[in-house]
Amino acid sequence: MGQDVDPSGQLDMQQLLAAAQQMQSQLMTAQQELADAEVEGSAGGGLVKVVVNGQGELVDVTISADAIDPADPNESAQTIADLVLAAVRDAYDAASDLQQEKMGPFAAGIGGAGEAGLPGFPGMPGAMPGPGGAPVDQ
Protein backbone atom coordinates (compact mmCIF):
# COMPACT_ATOMS: atom_id res chain seq x y z
CA MET A 1 0.00 0.00 0.00
CA GLY A 2 1.06 3.57 -0.66
CA GLN A 3 3.29 2.59 -3.56
CA ASP A 4 3.36 4.53 -6.81
CA VAL A 5 2.97 1.41 -8.93
CA ASP A 6 0.88 -1.59 -7.96
CA PRO A 7 2.02 -5.11 -8.84
CA SER A 8 0.07 -5.04 -12.13
CA GLY A 9 2.14 -2.05 -13.30
CA GLN A 10 -0.69 0.51 -13.03
CA LEU A 11 0.06 4.07 -11.89
CA ASP A 12 -1.57 5.51 -8.80
CA MET A 13 -4.79 7.18 -10.04
CA GLN A 14 -4.21 10.26 -7.85
CA GLN A 15 -0.80 10.77 -9.46
CA LEU A 16 -2.36 10.44 -12.89
CA LEU A 17 -5.07 12.99 -12.08
CA ALA A 18 -2.52 15.40 -10.57
CA ALA A 19 -0.39 15.11 -13.72
CA ALA A 20 -3.45 15.78 -15.90
CA GLN A 21 -4.39 18.85 -13.84
CA GLN A 22 -0.84 20.19 -14.01
CA MET A 23 -0.73 19.68 -17.77
CA GLN A 24 -4.10 21.40 -18.21
CA SER A 25 -2.90 24.36 -16.14
CA GLN A 26 0.28 24.64 -18.23
CA LEU A 27 -1.78 24.43 -21.42
CA MET A 28 -4.10 27.21 -20.27
CA THR A 29 -1.08 29.38 -19.41
CA ALA A 30 0.44 28.77 -22.86
CA GLN A 31 -2.89 29.61 -24.54
CA GLN A 32 -3.12 32.88 -22.57
CA GLU A 33 0.47 33.76 -23.51
CA LEU A 34 -0.46 33.23 -27.17
CA ALA A 35 -3.57 35.41 -26.83
CA ASP A 36 -1.47 38.20 -25.29
CA ALA A 37 1.45 37.96 -27.75
CA GLU A 38 1.66 40.03 -30.93
CA VAL A 39 3.93 39.46 -33.93
CA GLU A 40 4.56 41.69 -36.92
CA GLY A 41 4.80 40.90 -40.59
CA SER A 42 5.93 43.27 -43.31
CA ALA A 43 6.35 43.51 -47.06
CA GLY A 44 7.77 45.91 -49.60
CA GLY A 45 10.65 46.92 -47.36
CA GLY A 46 8.21 48.03 -44.67
CA LEU A 47 5.69 49.77 -46.92
CA VAL A 48 3.03 47.52 -45.41
CA LYS A 49 3.12 46.22 -41.85
CA VAL A 50 0.57 44.03 -40.13
CA VAL A 51 0.24 42.75 -36.59
CA VAL A 52 -1.37 39.46 -35.61
CA ASN A 53 -1.74 38.04 -32.14
CA GLY A 54 -0.36 34.66 -31.18
CA GLN A 55 -3.69 33.03 -32.03
CA GLY A 56 -3.48 34.29 -35.61
CA GLU A 57 -6.03 37.10 -35.36
CA LEU A 58 -5.20 40.15 -37.48
CA VAL A 59 -5.14 43.16 -35.13
CA ASP A 60 -3.51 45.99 -37.14
CA VAL A 61 -2.57 47.02 -40.69
CA THR A 62 -0.33 49.98 -41.53
CA ILE A 63 0.20 51.16 -45.11
CA SER A 64 2.89 53.77 -45.80
CA ALA A 65 1.90 56.72 -47.99
CA ASP A 66 4.98 55.86 -50.04
CA ALA A 67 3.12 52.77 -51.30
CA ILE A 68 0.65 55.00 -53.13
CA ASP A 69 1.47 56.34 -56.58
CA PRO A 70 -1.07 59.12 -57.25
CA ALA A 71 -0.21 59.01 -60.97
CA ASP A 72 -1.48 55.42 -61.23
CA PRO A 73 -4.17 54.68 -58.62
CA ASN A 74 -5.20 51.36 -60.21
CA GLU A 75 -1.66 50.00 -60.15
CA SER A 76 -1.18 51.36 -56.62
CA ALA A 77 -4.30 49.59 -55.42
CA GLN A 78 -3.11 46.26 -56.86
CA THR A 79 0.39 46.73 -55.47
CA ILE A 80 -0.97 47.55 -52.01
CA ALA A 81 -3.26 44.51 -52.12
CA ASP A 82 -0.29 42.29 -53.00
CA LEU A 83 1.83 43.86 -50.25
CA VAL A 84 -0.92 43.38 -47.67
CA LEU A 85 -1.22 39.70 -48.60
CA ALA A 86 2.54 39.24 -48.38
CA ALA A 87 2.72 41.04 -45.01
CA VAL A 88 -0.17 38.99 -43.60
CA ARG A 89 1.49 35.76 -44.72
CA ASP A 90 4.73 36.91 -43.11
CA ALA A 91 2.93 37.65 -39.84
CA TYR A 92 1.05 34.33 -39.93
CA ASP A 93 4.36 32.52 -40.40
CA ALA A 94 5.70 34.29 -37.31
CA ALA A 95 2.51 33.48 -35.37
CA SER A 96 2.77 29.84 -36.44
CA ASP A 97 6.36 29.70 -35.18
CA LEU A 98 5.24 31.20 -31.87
CA GLN A 99 2.37 28.71 -31.61
CA GLN A 100 4.76 25.84 -32.25
CA GLU A 101 7.11 27.18 -29.59
CA LYS A 102 4.35 27.52 -26.98
CA MET A 103 2.17 24.53 -27.88
CA GLY A 104 4.70 22.07 -29.32
CA PRO A 105 5.50 20.44 -25.97
CA PHE A 106 1.80 19.69 -25.48
CA ALA A 107 1.41 18.17 -28.94
CA ALA A 108 4.43 15.95 -28.25
CA GLY A 109 2.69 14.70 -25.10
CA ILE A 110 -0.46 13.64 -26.91
CA GLY A 111 -0.75 10.19 -28.43
CA GLY A 112 -0.34 9.95 -32.19
CA ALA A 113 -3.04 9.83 -34.87
CA GLY A 114 -5.35 12.24 -33.09
CA GLU A 115 -5.59 10.27 -29.87
CA ALA A 116 -5.79 12.49 -26.79
CA GLY A 117 -3.73 11.41 -23.83
CA LEU A 118 -1.09 12.20 -21.29
CA PRO A 119 2.61 11.89 -22.02
CA GLY A 120 3.41 8.22 -21.97
CA PHE A 121 -0.30 7.34 -21.90
CA PRO A 122 -1.59 7.62 -25.47
CA GLY A 123 -5.31 7.23 -25.85
CA MET A 124 -6.19 8.33 -22.29
CA PRO A 125 -9.60 9.95 -22.96
CA GLY A 126 -10.46 13.24 -21.34
CA ALA A 127 -6.86 14.14 -20.54
CA MET A 128 -6.79 17.21 -22.77
CA PRO A 129 -9.53 19.82 -23.03
CA GLY A 130 -11.24 20.17 -26.37
CA PRO A 131 -13.02 23.23 -27.76
CA GLY A 132 -14.79 25.16 -25.03
CA GLY A 133 -12.84 23.31 -22.33
CA ALA A 134 -14.79 20.08 -22.75
CA PRO A 135 -12.73 16.88 -22.45
CA VAL A 136 -11.81 15.17 -25.67
CA ASP A 137 -13.05 11.59 -25.72
CA GLN A 138 -12.03 9.40 -28.63
C-alpha atoms as a PDB file:
ATOM      1  CA  MET A   1       0.000   0.000   0.000  1.00  0.00           C
ATOM      2  CA  GLY A   2       1.058   3.574  -0.657  1.00  0.00           C
ATOM      3  CA  GLN A   3       3.291   2.585  -3.555  1.00  0.00           C
ATOM      4  CA  ASP A   4       3.359   4.530  -6.810  1.00  0.00           C
ATOM      5  CA  VAL A   5       2.967   1.411  -8.926  1.00  0.00           C
ATOM      6  CA  ASP A   6       0.882  -1.589  -7.962  1.00  0.00           C
ATOM      7  CA  PRO A   7       2.024  -5.110  -8.845  1.00  0.00           C
ATOM      8  CA  SER A   8       0.068  -5.039 -12.128  1.00  0.00           C
ATOM      9  CA  GLY A   9       2.138  -2.050 -13.297  1.00  0.00           C
ATOM     10  CA  GLN A  10      -0.691   0.513 -13.030  1.00  0.00           C
ATOM     11  CA  LEU A  11       0.058   4.073 -11.887  1.00  0.00           C
ATOM     12  CA  ASP A  12      -1.566   5.507  -8.804  1.00  0.00           C
ATOM     13  CA  MET A  13      -4.788   7.179 -10.038  1.00  0.00           C
ATOM     14  CA  GLN A  14      -4.212  10.263  -7.852  1.00  0.00           C
ATOM     15  CA  GLN A  15      -0.801  10.765  -9.461  1.00  0.00           C
ATOM     16  CA  LEU A  16      -2.358  10.443 -12.887  1.00  0.00           C
ATOM     17  CA  LEU A  17      -5.067  12.993 -12.081  1.00  0.00           C
ATOM     18  CA  ALA A  18      -2.524  15.401 -10.572  1.00  0.00           C
ATOM     19  CA  ALA A  19      -0.390  15.115 -13.721  1.00  0.00           C
ATOM     20  CA  ALA A  20      -3.447  15.781 -15.901  1.00  0.00           C
ATOM     21  CA  GLN A  21      -4.391  18.851 -13.844  1.00  0.00           C
ATOM     22  CA  GLN A  22      -0.837  20.189 -14.015  1.00  0.00           C
ATOM     23  CA  MET A  23      -0.732  19.681 -17.775  1.00  0.00           C
ATOM     24  CA  GLN A  24      -4.099  21.398 -18.209  1.00  0.00           C
ATOM     25  CA  SER A  25      -2.895  24.356 -16.139  1.00  0.00           C
ATOM     26  CA  GLN A  26       0.278  24.639 -18.230  1.00  0.00           C
ATOM     27  CA  LEU A  27      -1.779  24.431 -21.424  1.00  0.00           C
ATOM     28  CA  MET A  28      -4.103  27.212 -20.272  1.00  0.00           C
ATOM     29  CA  THR A  29      -1.084  29.378 -19.405  1.00  0.00           C
ATOM     30  CA  ALA A  30       0.440  28.773 -22.857  1.00  0.00           C
ATOM     31  CA  GLN A  31      -2.886  29.613 -24.538  1.00  0.00           C
ATOM     32  CA  GLN A  32      -3.115  32.879 -22.570  1.00  0.00           C
ATOM     33  CA  GLU A  33       0.467  33.765 -23.509  1.00  0.00           C
ATOM     34  CA  LEU A  34      -0.459  33.231 -27.169  1.00  0.00           C
ATOM     35  CA  ALA A  35      -3.570  35.405 -26.828  1.00  0.00           C
ATOM     36  CA  ASP A  36      -1.471  38.198 -25.294  1.00  0.00           C
ATOM     37  CA  ALA A  37       1.448  37.963 -27.749  1.00  0.00           C
ATOM     38  CA  GLU A  38       1.663  40.034 -30.931  1.00  0.00           C
ATOM     39  CA  VAL A  39       3.925  39.457 -33.934  1.00  0.00           C
ATOM     40  CA  GLU A  40       4.558  41.690 -36.925  1.00  0.00           C
ATOM     41  CA  GLY A  41       4.802  40.897 -40.593  1.00  0.00           C
ATOM     42  CA  SER A  42       5.931  43.267 -43.307  1.00  0.00           C
ATOM     43  CA  ALA A  43       6.345  43.514 -47.060  1.00  0.00           C
ATOM     44  CA  GLY A  44       7.774  45.915 -49.604  1.00  0.00           C
ATOM     45  CA  GLY A  45      10.646  46.924 -47.356  1.00  0.00           C
ATOM     46  CA  GLY A  46       8.214  48.025 -44.665  1.00  0.00           C
ATOM     47  CA  LEU A  47       5.689  49.768 -46.923  1.00  0.00           C
ATOM     48  CA  VAL A  48       3.026  47.520 -45.408  1.00  0.00           C
ATOM     49  CA  LYS A  49       3.116  46.221 -41.848  1.00  0.00           C
ATOM     50  CA  VAL A  50       0.566  44.028 -40.134  1.00  0.00           C
ATOM     51  CA  VAL A  51       0.243  42.746 -36.591  1.00  0.00           C
ATOM     52  CA  VAL A  52      -1.374  39.461 -35.605  1.00  0.00           C
ATOM     53  CA  ASN A  53      -1.744  38.038 -32.144  1.00  0.00           C
ATOM     54  CA  GLY A  54      -0.363  34.661 -31.179  1.00  0.00           C
ATOM     55  CA  GLN A  55      -3.687  33.032 -32.029  1.00  0.00           C
ATOM     56  CA  GLY A  56      -3.478  34.287 -35.613  1.00  0.00           C
ATOM     57  CA  GLU A  57      -6.033  37.098 -35.361  1.00  0.00           C
ATOM     58  CA  LEU A  58      -5.202  40.152 -37.477  1.00  0.00           C
ATOM     59  CA  VAL A  59      -5.137  43.164 -35.134  1.00  0.00           C
ATOM     60  CA  ASP A  60      -3.512  45.993 -37.139  1.00  0.00           C
ATOM     61  CA  VAL A  61      -2.571  47.023 -40.686  1.00  0.00           C
ATOM     62  CA  THR A  62      -0.333  49.983 -41.526  1.00  0.00           C
ATOM     63  CA  ILE A  63       0.204  51.164 -45.106  1.00  0.00           C
ATOM     64  CA  SER A  64       2.885  53.765 -45.797  1.00  0.00           C
ATOM     65  CA  ALA A  65       1.896  56.717 -47.987  1.00  0.00           C
ATOM     66  CA  ASP A  66       4.981  55.863 -50.044  1.00  0.00           C
ATOM     67  CA  ALA A  67       3.115  52.774 -51.296  1.00  0.00           C
ATOM     68  CA  ILE A  68       0.647  55.000 -53.133  1.00  0.00           C
ATOM     69  CA  ASP A  69       1.466  56.342 -56.581  1.00  0.00           C
ATOM     70  CA  PRO A  70      -1.067  59.123 -57.253  1.00  0.00           C
ATOM     71  CA  ALA A  71      -0.206  59.015 -60.966  1.00  0.00           C
ATOM     72  CA  ASP A  72      -1.476  55.425 -61.229  1.00  0.00           C
ATOM     73  CA  PRO A  73      -4.169  54.684 -58.620  1.00  0.00           C
ATOM     74  CA  ASN A  74      -5.204  51.357 -60.215  1.00  0.00           C
ATOM     75  CA  GLU A  75      -1.664  50.002 -60.154  1.00  0.00           C
ATOM     76  CA  SER A  76      -1.176  51.359 -56.620  1.00  0.00           C
ATOM     77  CA  ALA A  77      -4.296  49.592 -55.422  1.00  0.00           C
ATOM     78  CA  GLN A  78      -3.110  46.259 -56.862  1.00  0.00           C
ATOM     79  CA  THR A  79       0.393  46.728 -55.468  1.00  0.00           C
ATOM     80  CA  ILE A  80      -0.974  47.550 -52.014  1.00  0.00           C
ATOM     81  CA  ALA A  81      -3.263  44.512 -52.117  1.00  0.00           C
ATOM     82  CA  ASP A  82      -0.286  42.292 -53.003  1.00  0.00           C
ATOM     83  CA  LEU A  83       1.835  43.857 -50.255  1.00  0.00           C
ATOM     84  CA  VAL A  84      -0.923  43.380 -47.666  1.00  0.00           C
ATOM     85  CA  LEU A  85      -1.222  39.702 -48.605  1.00  0.00           C
ATOM     86  CA  ALA A  86       2.538  39.242 -48.376  1.00  0.00           C
ATOM     87  CA  ALA A  87       2.718  41.037 -45.013  1.00  0.00           C
ATOM     88  CA  VAL A  88      -0.169  38.992 -43.600  1.00  0.00           C
ATOM     89  CA  ARG A  89       1.488  35.763 -44.724  1.00  0.00           C
ATOM     90  CA  ASP A  90       4.733  36.908 -43.110  1.00  0.00           C
ATOM     91  CA  ALA A  91       2.930  37.648 -39.836  1.00  0.00           C
ATOM     92  CA  TYR A  92       1.046  34.332 -39.925  1.00  0.00           C
ATOM     93  CA  ASP A  93       4.358  32.516 -40.401  1.00  0.00           C
ATOM     94  CA  ALA A  94       5.701  34.286 -37.310  1.00  0.00           C
ATOM     95  CA  ALA A  95       2.509  33.478 -35.372  1.00  0.00           C
ATOM     96  CA  SER A  96       2.775  29.835 -36.438  1.00  0.00           C
ATOM     97  CA  ASP A  97       6.361  29.699 -35.180  1.00  0.00           C
ATOM     98  CA  LEU A  98       5.238  31.204 -31.871  1.00  0.00           C
ATOM     99  CA  GLN A  99       2.366  28.712 -31.607  1.00  0.00           C
ATOM    100  CA  GLN A 100       4.762  25.837 -32.246  1.00  0.00           C
ATOM    101  CA  GLU A 101       7.114  27.177 -29.588  1.00  0.00           C
ATOM    102  CA  LYS A 102       4.353  27.516 -26.981  1.00  0.00           C
ATOM    103  CA  MET A 103       2.166  24.530 -27.877  1.00  0.00           C
ATOM    104  CA  GLY A 104       4.700  22.075 -29.319  1.00  0.00           C
ATOM    105  CA  PRO A 105       5.503  20.444 -25.969  1.00  0.00           C
ATOM    106  CA  PHE A 106       1.801  19.691 -25.476  1.00  0.00           C
ATOM    107  CA  ALA A 107       1.414  18.171 -28.943  1.00  0.00           C
ATOM    108  CA  ALA A 108       4.426  15.951 -28.249  1.00  0.00           C
ATOM    109  CA  GLY A 109       2.690  14.701 -25.097  1.00  0.00           C
ATOM    110  CA  ILE A 110      -0.464  13.639 -26.913  1.00  0.00           C
ATOM    111  CA  GLY A 111      -0.752  10.187 -28.432  1.00  0.00           C
ATOM    112  CA  GLY A 112      -0.344   9.948 -32.194  1.00  0.00           C
ATOM    113  CA  ALA A 113      -3.037   9.827 -34.869  1.00  0.00           C
ATOM    114  CA  GLY A 114      -5.346  12.241 -33.090  1.00  0.00           C
ATOM    115  CA  GLU A 115      -5.589  10.270 -29.866  1.00  0.00           C
ATOM    116  CA  ALA A 116      -5.790  12.494 -26.795  1.00  0.00           C
ATOM    117  CA  GLY A 117      -3.728  11.406 -23.828  1.00  0.00           C
ATOM    118  CA  LEU A 118      -1.088  12.196 -21.289  1.00  0.00           C
ATOM    119  CA  PRO A 119       2.607  11.895 -22.022  1.00  0.00           C
ATOM    120  CA  GLY A 120       3.407   8.216 -21.967  1.00  0.00           C
ATOM    121  CA  PHE A 121      -0.298   7.344 -21.898  1.00  0.00           C
ATOM    122  CA  PRO A 122      -1.593   7.623 -25.471  1.00  0.00           C
ATOM    123  CA  GLY A 123      -5.310   7.231 -25.851  1.00  0.00           C
ATOM    124  CA  MET A 124      -6.189   8.331 -22.288  1.00  0.00           C
ATOM    125  CA  PRO A 125      -9.602   9.953 -22.961  1.00  0.00           C
ATOM    126  CA  GLY A 126     -10.463  13.239 -21.341  1.00  0.00           C
ATOM    127  CA  ALA A 127      -6.865  14.142 -20.540  1.00  0.00           C
ATOM    128  CA  MET A 128      -6.791  17.212 -22.769  1.00  0.00           C
ATOM    129  CA  PRO A 129      -9.533  19.825 -23.027  1.00  0.00           C
ATOM    130  CA  GLY A 130     -11.236  20.174 -26.365  1.00  0.00           C
ATOM    131  CA  PRO A 131     -13.019  23.234 -27.756  1.00  0.00           C
ATOM    132  CA  GLY A 132     -14.793  25.158 -25.027  1.00  0.00           C
ATOM    133  CA  GLY A 133     -12.837  23.308 -22.332  1.00  0.00           C
ATOM    134  CA  ALA A 134     -14.790  20.076 -22.753  1.00  0.00           C
ATOM    135  CA  PRO A 135     -12.727  16.884 -22.448  1.00  0.00           C
ATOM    136  CA  VAL A 136     -11.807  15.170 -25.668  1.00  0.00           C
ATOM    137  CA  ASP A 137     -13.047  11.589 -25.724  1.00  0.00           C
ATOM    138  CA  GLN A 138     -12.033   9.402 -28.635  1.00  0.00           C
END
